């Protein structure tokens, strides 16, 4: 299972540990991923995602999962998120 946020695409970053003697060794910075169930108002159900805490704050700021998925480009989303985005678009089109 890769360490990538399903909604924002945020992944690992690489940097250095720097000692007091200024020795540098490679290290990895991992995103803070959480298993969460986000509610979709359009679909009236919860969907499980593996999301970074930064991604959760972004979803809340935009106004929920439905708004976030509609505004986000497809190349940033995971295959699971893309599937949900298509379902939401289909449901919104049917309701209109």
PDB file of N, CA and C in Angstrom:
ATOM      1  N   UNK A   1       0.847  -1.167   0.000  1.00  0.00           N
ATOM      2  CA  UNK A   1       0.000   0.000   0.000  1.00  0.00           C
ATOM      3  C   UNK A   1       0.899   1.239   0.000  1.00  0.00           C
ATOM      4  N   UNK A   2       0.761   2.077  -1.009  1.00  0.00           N
ATOM      5  CA  UNK A   2       1.630   3.239  -1.107  1.00  0.00           C
ATOM      6  C   UNK A   2       1.177   4.344  -0.166  1.00  0.00           C
ATOM      7  N   UNK A   3       2.098   5.167   0.218  1.00  0.00           N
ATOM      8  CA  UNK A   3       1.822   6.251   1.163  1.00  0.00           C
ATOM      9  C   UNK A   3       1.493   7.530   0.399  1.00  0.00           C
ATOM     10  N   UNK A   4       0.328   7.526  -0.249  1.00  0.00           N
ATOM     11  CA  UNK A   4      -0.121   8.677  -1.026  1.00  0.00           C
ATOM     12  C   UNK A   4      -1.560   8.983  -0.648  1.00  0.00           C
ATOM     13  N   UNK A   5      -1.845  10.263  -0.429  1.00  0.00           N
ATOM     14  CA  UNK A   5      -3.204  10.695  -0.109  1.00  0.00           C
ATOM     15  C   UNK A   5      -4.087  10.481  -1.337  1.00  0.00           C
ATOM     16  N   UNK A   6      -5.269   9.875  -1.130  1.00  0.00           N
ATOM     17  CA  UNK A   6      -6.155   9.568  -2.242  1.00  0.00           C
ATOM     18  C   UNK A   6      -6.839  10.806  -2.819  1.00  0.00           C
ATOM     19  N   UNK A   7      -6.916  11.888  -2.064  1.00  0.00           N
ATOM     20  CA  UNK A   7      -7.612  13.079  -2.536  1.00  0.00           C
ATOM     21  C   UNK A   7      -6.681  14.180  -3.026  1.00  0.00           C
ATOM     22  N   UNK A   8      -5.545  14.369  -2.370  1.00  0.00           N
ATOM     23  CA  UNK A   8      -4.652  15.461  -2.751  1.00  0.00           C
ATOM     24  C   UNK A   8      -3.445  15.001  -3.556  1.00  0.00           C
ATOM     25  N   UNK A   9      -3.135  13.705  -3.512  1.00  0.00           N
ATOM     26  CA  UNK A   9      -1.957  13.209  -4.212  1.00  0.00           C
ATOM     27  C   UNK A   9      -0.664  13.454  -3.448  1.00  0.00           C
ATOM     28  N   UNK A  10      -0.774  13.939  -2.221  1.00  0.00           N
ATOM     29  CA  UNK A  10       0.411  14.216  -1.404  1.00  0.00           C
ATOM     30  C   UNK A  10       1.108  12.905  -1.063  1.00  0.00           C
ATOM     31  N   UNK A  11       2.420  12.848  -1.294  1.00  0.00           N
ATOM     32  CA  UNK A  11       3.187  11.635  -1.059  1.00  0.00           C
ATOM     33  C   UNK A  11       4.399  11.902  -0.202  1.00  0.00           C
ATOM     34  N   UNK A  12       5.334  10.958  -0.225  1.00  0.00           N
ATOM     35  CA  UNK A  12       6.528  11.096   0.600  1.00  0.00           C
ATOM     36  C   UNK A  12       7.489  12.113   0.001  1.00  0.00           C
ATOM     37  N   UNK A  13       8.307  12.706   0.871  1.00  0.00           N
ATOM     38  CA  UNK A  13       9.349  13.618   0.445  1.00  0.00           C
ATOM     39  C   UNK A  13      10.674  13.100   0.978  1.00  0.00           C
ATOM     40  N   UNK A  14      11.757  13.432   0.294  1.00  0.00           N
ATOM     41  CA  UNK A  14      13.076  12.961   0.680  1.00  0.00           C
ATOM     42  C   UNK A  14      13.907  14.149   1.128  1.00  0.00           C
ATOM     43  N   UNK A  15      14.680  13.936   2.204  1.00  0.00           N
ATOM     44  CA  UNK A  15      15.547  14.988   2.715  1.00  0.00           C
ATOM     45  C   UNK A  15      16.744  14.384   3.424  1.00  0.00           C
ATOM     46  N   UNK A  16      17.379  15.179   4.262  1.00  0.00           N
ATOM     47  CA  UNK A  16      18.564  14.741   4.982  1.00  0.00           C
ATOM     48  C   UNK A  16      18.384  14.892   6.483  1.00  0.00           C
ATOM     49  N   UNK A  17      18.920  13.917   7.242  1.00  0.00           N
ATOM     50  CA  UNK A  17      19.174  14.120   8.661  1.00  0.00           C
ATOM     51  C   UNK A  17      20.521  14.820   8.728  1.00  0.00           C
ATOM     52  N   UNK A  18      20.609  15.887   9.503  1.00  0.00           N
ATOM     53  CA  UNK A  18      21.873  16.610   9.624  1.00  0.00           C
ATOM     54  C   UNK A  18      22.320  16.553  11.074  1.00  0.00           C
ATOM     55  N   UNK A  19      23.484  15.964  11.307  1.00  0.00           N
ATOM     56  CA  UNK A  19      24.001  15.817  12.664  1.00  0.00           C
ATOM     57  C   UNK A  19      24.662  17.114  13.128  1.00  0.00           C
ATOM     58  N   UNK A  20      25.053  17.117  14.394  1.00  0.00           N
ATOM     59  CA  UNK A  20      25.747  18.277  14.957  1.00  0.00           C
ATOM     60  C   UNK A  20      27.066  18.524  14.219  1.00  0.00           C
ATOM     61  N   UNK A  21      27.691  17.430  13.729  1.00  0.00           N
ATOM     62  CA  UNK A  21      28.953  17.545  12.987  1.00  0.00           C
ATOM     63  C   UNK A  21      28.705  17.816  11.500  1.00  0.00           C
ATOM     64  N   UNK A  22      27.450  18.102  11.155  1.00  0.00           N
ATOM     65  CA  UNK A  22      27.030  18.420   9.781  1.00  0.00           C
ATOM     66  C   UNK A  22      27.157  17.235   8.829  1.00  0.00           C
ATOM     67  N   UNK A  23      27.077  15.997   9.375  1.00  0.00           N
ATOM     68  CA  UNK A  23      27.012  14.815   8.524  1.00  0.00           C
ATOM     69  C   UNK A  23      25.584  14.693   8.011  1.00  0.00           C
ATOM     70  N   UNK A  24      25.446  14.348   6.749  1.00  0.00           N
ATOM     71  CA  UNK A  24      24.115  14.263   6.152  1.00  0.00           C
ATOM     72  C   UNK A  24      23.811  12.823   5.733  1.00  0.00           C
ATOM     73  N   UNK A  25      22.662  12.314   6.162  1.00  0.00           N
ATOM     74  CA  UNK A  25      22.197  10.994   5.750  1.00  0.00           C
ATOM     75  C   UNK A  25      20.767  11.132   5.245  1.00  0.00           C
ATOM     76  N   UNK A  26      20.441  10.354   4.233  1.00  0.00           N
ATOM     77  CA  UNK A  26      19.112  10.432   3.624  1.00  0.00           C
ATOM     78  C   UNK A  26      18.041   9.967   4.593  1.00  0.00           C
ATOM     79  N   UNK A  27      16.881  10.582   4.501  1.00  0.00           N
ATOM     80  CA  UNK A  27      15.716  10.170   5.274  1.00  0.00           C
ATOM     81  C   UNK A  27      14.465  10.468   4.461  1.00  0.00           C
ATOM     82  N   UNK A  28      13.332   9.953   4.935  1.00  0.00           N
ATOM     83  CA  UNK A  28      12.060  10.105   4.233  1.00  0.00           C
ATOM     84  C   UNK A  28      11.064  10.785   5.162  1.00  0.00           C
ATOM     85  N   UNK A  29      10.335  11.760   4.631  1.00  0.00           N
ATOM     86  CA  UNK A  29       9.248  12.412   5.346  1.00  0.00           C
ATOM     87  C   UNK A  29       7.946  11.836   4.798  1.00  0.00           C
ATOM     88  N   UNK A  30       7.188  11.147   5.648  1.00  0.00           N
ATOM     89  CA  UNK A  30       5.932  10.536   5.214  1.00  0.00           C
ATOM     90  C   UNK A  30       4.747  11.425   5.579  1.00  0.00           C
ATOM     91  N   UNK A  31       3.711  11.465   4.724  1.00  0.00           N
ATOM     92  CA  UNK A  31       2.521  12.243   5.065  1.00  0.00           C
ATOM     93  C   UNK A  31       1.746  11.574   6.197  1.00  0.00           C
ATOM     94  N   UNK A  32       1.001  12.356   6.935  1.00  0.00           N
ATOM     95  CA  UNK A  32       0.198  11.852   8.049  1.00  0.00           C
ATOM     96  C   UNK A  32      -1.126  11.338   7.475  1.00  0.00           C
ATOM     97  N   UNK A  33      -1.163  10.058   7.090  1.00  0.00           N
ATOM     98  CA  UNK A  33      -2.348   9.479   6.463  1.00  0.00           C
ATOM     99  C   UNK A  33      -3.277   8.866   7.494  1.00  0.00           C
ATOM    100  N   UNK A  34      -4.570   9.053   7.291  1.00  0.00           N
ATOM    101  CA  UNK A  34      -5.591   8.525   8.176  1.00  0.00           C
ATOM    102  C   UNK A  34      -6.634   7.774   7.349  1.00  0.00           C
ATOM    103  N   UNK A  35      -7.185   6.706   7.920  1.00  0.00           N
ATOM    104  CA  UNK A  35      -8.308   6.004   7.293  1.00  0.00           C
ATOM    105  C   UNK A  35      -9.577   6.688   7.776  1.00  0.00           C
ATOM    106  N   UNK A  36     -10.324   7.297   6.865  1.00  0.00           N
ATOM    107  CA  UNK A  36     -11.528   8.037   7.249  1.00  0.00           C
ATOM    108  C   UNK A  36     -12.696   7.650   6.349  1.00  0.00           C
ATOM    109  N   UNK A  37     -13.891   7.868   6.853  1.00  0.00           N
ATOM    110  CA  UNK A  37     -15.101   7.715   6.057  1.00  0.00           C
ATOM    111  C   UNK A  37     -15.696   9.096   5.869  1.00  0.00           C
ATOM    112  N   UNK A  38     -15.717   9.564   4.628  1.00  0.00           N
ATOM    113  CA  UNK A  38     -16.268  10.879   4.314  1.00  0.00           C
ATOM    114  C   UNK A  38     -17.669  10.701   3.758  1.00  0.00           C
ATOM    115  N   UNK A  39     -18.575  11.580   4.178  1.00  0.00           N
ATOM    116  CA  UNK A  39     -19.963  11.484   3.755  1.00  0.00           C
ATOM    117  C   UNK A  39     -20.196  12.277   2.482  1.00  0.00           C
ATOM    118  N   UNK A  40     -20.871  11.648   1.535  1.00  0.00           N
ATOM    119  CA  UNK A  40     -21.266  12.304   0.302  1.00  0.00           C
ATOM    120  C   UNK A  40     -22.741  12.674   0.408  1.00  0.00           C
ATOM    121  N   UNK A  41     -23.033  13.961   0.271  1.00  0.00           N
ATOM    122  CA  UNK A  41     -24.418  14.421   0.361  1.00  0.00           C
ATOM    123  C   UNK A  41     -25.223  13.984  -0.859  1.00  0.00           C
ATOM    124  N   UNK A  42     -24.592  13.957  -2.004  1.00  0.00           N
ATOM    125  CA  UNK A  42     -25.284  13.578  -3.237  1.00  0.00           C
ATOM    126  C   UNK A  42     -25.647  12.104  -3.235  1.00  0.00           C
ATOM    127  N   UNK A  43     -24.704  11.251  -2.800  1.00  0.00           N
ATOM    128  CA  UNK A  43     -24.928   9.804  -2.818  1.00  0.00           C
ATOM    129  C   UNK A  43     -25.601   9.301  -1.543  1.00  0.00           C
ATOM    130  N   UNK A  44     -25.684  10.133  -0.515  1.00  0.00           N
ATOM    131  CA  UNK A  44     -26.275   9.769   0.777  1.00  0.00           C
ATOM    132  C   UNK A  44     -25.629   8.533   1.409  1.00  0.00           C
ATOM    133  N   UNK A  45     -24.304   8.469   1.350  1.00  0.00           N
ATOM    134  CA  UNK A  45     -23.592   7.365   1.978  1.00  0.00           C
ATOM    135  C   UNK A  45     -22.161   7.795   2.278  1.00  0.00           C
ATOM    136  N   UNK A  46     -21.481   7.011   3.099  1.00  0.00           N
ATOM    137  CA  UNK A  46     -20.094   7.278   3.435  1.00  0.00           C
ATOM    138  C   UNK A  46     -19.158   6.503   2.524  1.00  0.00           C
ATOM    139  N   UNK A  47     -18.012   7.095   2.235  1.00  0.00           N
ATOM    140  CA  UNK A  47     -17.008   6.456   1.384  1.00  0.00           C
ATOM    141  C   UNK A  47     -15.687   6.458   2.141  1.00  0.00           C
ATOM    142  N   UNK A  48     -15.014   5.303   2.183  1.00  0.00           N
ATOM    143  CA  UNK A  48     -13.753   5.177   2.901  1.00  0.00           C
ATOM    144  C   UNK A  48     -12.599   5.614   2.010  1.00  0.00           C
ATOM    145  N   UNK A  49     -11.723   6.455   2.577  1.00  0.00           N
ATOM    146  CA  UNK A  49     -10.538   6.927   1.892  1.00  0.00           C
ATOM    147  C   UNK A  49      -9.355   6.875   2.843  1.00  0.00           C
ATOM    148  N   UNK A  50      -8.156   6.892   2.276  1.00  0.00           N
ATOM    149  CA  UNK A  50      -6.925   7.061   3.044  1.00  0.00           C
ATOM    150  C   UNK A  50      -6.408   8.457   2.701  1.00  0.00           C
ATOM    151  N   UNK A  51      -6.598   9.384   3.638  1.00  0.00           N
ATOM    152  CA  UNK A  51      -6.401  10.802   3.362  1.00  0.00           C
ATOM    153  C   UNK A  51      -5.403  11.398   4.348  1.00  0.00           C
ATOM    154  N   UNK A  52      -4.604  12.353   3.872  1.00  0.00           N
ATOM    155  CA  UNK A  52      -3.711  13.081   4.765  1.00  0.00           C
ATOM    156  C   UNK A  52      -4.530  14.068   5.589  1.00  0.00           C
ATOM    157  N   UNK A  53      -3.986  14.474   6.727  1.00  0.00           N
ATOM    158  CA  UNK A  53      -4.693  15.437   7.567  1.00  0.00           C
ATOM    159  C   UNK A  53      -4.829  16.779   6.846  1.00  0.00           C
ATOM    160  N   UNK A  54      -3.846  17.118   6.034  1.00  0.00           N
ATOM    161  CA  UNK A  54      -3.938  18.327   5.212  1.00  0.00           C
ATOM    162  C   UNK A  54      -5.112  18.216   4.230  1.00  0.00           C
ATOM    163  N   UNK A  55      -5.281  17.026   3.656  1.00  0.00           N
ATOM    164  CA  UNK A  55      -6.394  16.795   2.731  1.00  0.00           C
ATOM    165  C   UNK A  55      -7.744  16.902   3.425  1.00  0.00           C
ATOM    166  N   UNK A  56      -7.839  16.409   4.656  1.00  0.00           N
ATOM    167  CA  UNK A  56      -9.086  16.527   5.416  1.00  0.00           C
ATOM    168  C   UNK A  56      -9.454  17.981   5.652  1.00  0.00           C
ATOM    169  N   UNK A  57      -8.473  18.788   6.013  1.00  0.00           N
ATOM    170  CA  UNK A  57      -8.730  20.217   6.231  1.00  0.00           C
ATOM    171  C   UNK A  57      -9.167  20.888   4.940  1.00  0.00           C
ATOM    172  N   UNK A  58      -8.564  20.498   3.827  1.00  0.00           N
ATOM    173  CA  UNK A  58      -8.921  21.078   2.538  1.00  0.00           C
ATOM    174  C   UNK A  58     -10.351  20.731   2.148  1.00  0.00           C
ATOM    175  N   UNK A  59     -10.749  19.480   2.379  1.00  0.00           N
ATOM    176  CA  UNK A  59     -12.111  19.042   2.064  1.00  0.00           C
ATOM    177  C   UNK A  59     -13.110  19.833   2.904  1.00  0.00           C
ATOM    178  N   UNK A  60     -12.826  20.007   4.183  1.00  0.00           N
ATOM    179  CA  UNK A  60     -13.704  20.781   5.064  1.00  0.00           C
ATOM    180  C   UNK A  60     -13.801  22.232   4.594  1.00  0.00           C
ATOM    181  N   UNK A  61     -12.681  22.797   4.177  1.00  0.00           N
ATOM    182  CA  UNK A  61     -12.643  24.199   3.751  1.00  0.00           C
ATOM    183  C   UNK A  61     -13.480  24.441   2.497  1.00  0.00           C
ATOM    184  N   UNK A  62     -13.446  23.503   1.565  1.00  0.00           N
ATOM    185  CA  UNK A  62     -14.166  23.653   0.293  1.00  0.00           C
ATOM    186  C   UNK A  62     -15.669  23.425   0.465  1.00  0.00           C
ATOM    187  N   UNK A  63     -16.057  22.677   1.503  1.00  0.00           N
ATOM    188  CA  UNK A  63     -17.483  22.496   1.737  1.00  0.00           C
ATOM    189  C   UNK A  63     -17.948  21.063   1.613  1.00  0.00           C
ATOM    190  N   UNK A  64     -17.067  20.112   1.756  1.00  0.00           N
ATOM    191  CA  UNK A  64     -17.453  18.708   1.742  1.00  0.00           C
ATOM    192  C   UNK A  64     -16.829  17.929   0.600  1.00  0.00           C
ATOM    193  N   UNK A  65     -17.058  16.628   0.656  1.00  0.00           N
ATOM    194  CA  UNK A  65     -16.440  15.712  -0.311  1.00  0.00           C
ATOM    195  C   UNK A  65     -16.916  15.969  -1.732  1.00  0.00           C
ATOM    196  N   UNK A  66     -18.209  16.205  -1.912  1.00  0.00           N
ATOM    197  CA  UNK A  66     -18.746  16.398  -3.262  1.00  0.00           C
ATOM    198  C   UNK A  66     -18.108  17.603  -3.956  1.00  0.00           C
ATOM    199  N   UNK A  67     -18.040  18.728  -3.256  1.00  0.00           N
ATOM    200  CA  UNK A  67     -17.430  19.930  -3.836  1.00  0.00           C
ATOM    201  C   UNK A  67     -15.955  19.706  -4.120  1.00  0.00           C
ATOM    202  N   UNK A  68     -15.262  19.023  -3.202  1.00  0.00           N
ATOM    203  CA  UNK A  68     -13.826  18.787  -3.389  1.00  0.00           C
ATOM    204  C   UNK A  68     -13.568  17.962  -4.654  1.00  0.00           C
ATOM    205  N   UNK A  69     -14.316  16.869  -4.811  1.00  0.00           N
ATOM    206  CA  UNK A  69     -14.084  15.996  -5.962  1.00  0.00           C
ATOM    207  C   UNK A  69     -14.413  16.696  -7.279  1.00  0.00           C
ATOM    208  N   UNK A  70     -15.458  17.508  -7.294  1.00  0.00           N
ATOM    209  CA  UNK A  70     -15.834  18.195  -8.532  1.00  0.00           C
ATOM    210  C   UNK A  70     -14.798  19.253  -8.926  1.00  0.00           C
ATOM    211  N   UNK A  71     -14.128  19.868  -7.951  1.00  0.00           N
ATOM    212  CA  UNK A  71     -13.173  20.939  -8.244  1.00  0.00           C
ATOM    213  C   UNK A  71     -11.755  20.438  -8.506  1.00  0.00           C
ATOM    214  N   UNK A  72     -11.445  19.208  -8.111  1.00  0.00           N
ATOM    215  CA  UNK A  72     -10.083  18.677  -8.224  1.00  0.00           C
ATOM    216  C   UNK A  72      -9.867  18.021  -9.581  1.00  0.00           C
ATOM    217  N   UNK A  73      -8.674  18.217 -10.141  1.00  0.00           N
ATOM    218  CA  UNK A  73      -8.328  17.609 -11.424  1.00  0.00           C
ATOM    219  C   UNK A  73      -8.182  16.099 -11.272  1.00  0.00           C
ATOM    220  N   UNK A  74      -8.505  15.368 -12.331  1.00  0.00           N
ATOM    221  CA  UNK A  74      -8.502  13.906 -12.289  1.00  0.00           C
ATOM    222  C   UNK A  74      -7.121  13.314 -12.047  1.00  0.00           C
ATOM    223  N   UNK A  75      -6.056  13.974 -12.506  1.00  0.00           N
ATOM    224  CA  UNK A  75      -4.720  13.401 -12.365  1.00  0.00           C
ATOM    225  C   UNK A  75      -4.226  13.390 -10.918  1.00  0.00           C
ATOM    226  N   UNK A  76      -4.835  14.196 -10.030  1.00  0.00           N
ATOM    227  CA  UNK A  76      -4.453  14.195  -8.615  1.00  0.00           C
ATOM    228  C   UNK A  76      -5.165  13.100  -7.830  1.00  0.00           C
ATOM    229  N   UNK A  77      -6.308  12.633  -8.319  1.00  0.00           N
ATOM    230  CA  UNK A  77      -7.146  11.701  -7.568  1.00  0.00           C
ATOM    231  C   UNK A  77      -6.730  10.252  -7.800  1.00  0.00           C
ATOM    232  N   UNK A  78      -6.996   9.403  -6.812  1.00  0.00           N
ATOM    233  CA  UNK A  78      -6.751   7.970  -6.949  1.00  0.00           C
ATOM    234  C   UNK A  78      -7.867   7.344  -7.779  1.00  0.00           C
ATOM    235  N   UNK A  79      -7.701   6.082  -8.139  1.00  0.00           N
ATOM    236  CA  UNK A  79      -8.724   5.403  -8.935  1.00  0.00           C
ATOM    237  C   UNK A  79     -10.034   5.285  -8.157  1.00  0.00           C
ATOM    238  N   UNK A  80      -9.951   5.062  -6.851  1.00  0.00           N
ATOM    239  CA  UNK A  80     -11.149   4.986  -6.013  1.00  0.00           C
ATOM    240  C   UNK A  80     -11.879   6.337  -5.988  1.00  0.00           C
ATOM    241  N   UNK A  81     -11.127   7.421  -5.830  1.00  0.00           N
ATOM    242  CA  UNK A  81     -11.723   8.757  -5.799  1.00  0.00           C
ATOM    243  C   UNK A  81     -12.320   9.123  -7.157  1.00  0.00           C
ATOM    244  N   UNK A  82     -11.680   8.705  -8.245  1.00  0.00           N
ATOM    245  CA  UNK A  82     -12.218   8.972  -9.585  1.00  0.00           C
ATOM    246  C   UNK A  82     -13.551   8.262  -9.791  1.00  0.00           C
ATOM    247  N   UNK A  83     -13.640   7.041  -9.295  1.00  0.00           N
ATOM    248  CA  UNK A  83     -14.885   6.283  -9.407  1.00  0.00           C
ATOM    249  C   UNK A  83     -16.015   6.993  -8.665  1.00  0.00           C
ATOM    250  N   UNK A  84     -15.718   7.473  -7.474  1.00  0.00           N
ATOM    251  CA  UNK A  84     -16.726   8.191  -6.685  1.00  0.00           C
ATOM    252  C   UNK A  84     -17.097   9.503  -7.369  1.00  0.00           C
ATOM    253  N   UNK A  85     -16.109  10.179  -7.955  1.00  0.00           N
ATOM    254  CA  UNK A  85     -16.371  11.439  -8.653  1.00  0.00           C
ATOM    255  C   UNK A  85     -17.337  11.225  -9.824  1.00  0.00           C
ATOM    256  N   UNK A  86     -17.145  10.139 -10.558  1.00  0.00           N
ATOM    257  CA  UNK A  86     -18.050   9.831 -11.673  1.00  0.00           C
ATOM    258  C   UNK A  86     -19.467   9.523 -11.180  1.00  0.00           C
ATOM    259  N   UNK A  87     -19.566   8.793 -10.064  1.00  0.00           N
ATOM    260  CA  UNK A  87     -20.883   8.496  -9.482  1.00  0.00           C
ATOM    261  C   UNK A  87     -21.604   9.769  -9.059  1.00  0.00           C
ATOM    262  N   UNK A  88     -20.865  10.682  -8.460  1.00  0.00           N
ATOM    263  CA  UNK A  88     -21.463  11.941  -7.999  1.00  0.00           C
ATOM    264  C   UNK A  88     -21.923  12.772  -9.193  1.00  0.00           C
ATOM    265  N   UNK A  89     -21.068  12.841 -10.232  1.00  0.00           N
ATOM    266  CA  UNK A  89     -21.440  13.613 -11.427  1.00  0.00           C
ATOM    267  C   UNK A  89     -22.694  13.020 -12.076  1.00  0.00           C
ATOM    268  N   UNK A  90     -22.756  11.712 -12.130  1.00  0.00           N
ATOM    269  CA  UNK A  90     -23.918  11.037 -12.709  1.00  0.00           C
ATOM    270  C   UNK A  90     -25.181  11.329 -11.900  1.00  0.00           C
ATOM    271  N   UNK A  91     -25.078  11.279 -10.574  1.00  0.00           N
ATOM    272  CA  UNK A  91     -26.225  11.545  -9.700  1.00  0.00           C
ATOM    273  C   UNK A  91     -26.674  13.001  -9.797  1.00  0.00           C
ATOM    274  N   UNK A  92     -25.707  13.924  -9.883  1.00  0.00           N
ATOM    275  CA  UNK A  92     -26.054  15.346 -10.019  1.00  0.00           C
ATOM    276  C   UNK A  92     -26.718  15.634 -11.343  1.00  0.00           C
ATOM    277  N   UNK A  93     -26.268  14.950 -12.403  1.00  0.00           N
ATOM    278  CA  UNK A  93     -26.854  15.143 -13.728  1.00  0.00           C
ATOM    279  C   UNK A  93     -28.288  14.605 -13.750  1.00  0.00           C
ATOM    280  N   UNK A  94     -28.510  13.479 -13.097  1.00  0.00           N
ATOM    281  CA  UNK A  94     -29.848  12.884 -13.051  1.00  0.00           C
ATOM    282  C   UNK A  94     -30.807  13.759 -12.231  1.00  0.00           C
ATOM    283  N   UNK A  95     -30.291  14.409 -11.196  1.00  0.00           N
ATOM    284  CA  UNK A  95     -31.137  15.246 -10.342  1.00  0.00           C
ATOM    285  C   UNK A  95     -31.501  16.568 -11.021  1.00  0.00           C
ATOM    286  N   UNK A  96     -30.666  17.017 -11.929  1.00  0.00           N
ATOM    287  CA  UNK A  96     -30.910  18.307 -12.583  1.00  0.00           C
ATOM    288  C   UNK A  96     -31.909  18.224 -13.727  1.00  0.00           C
TER     289      UNK A  96
END
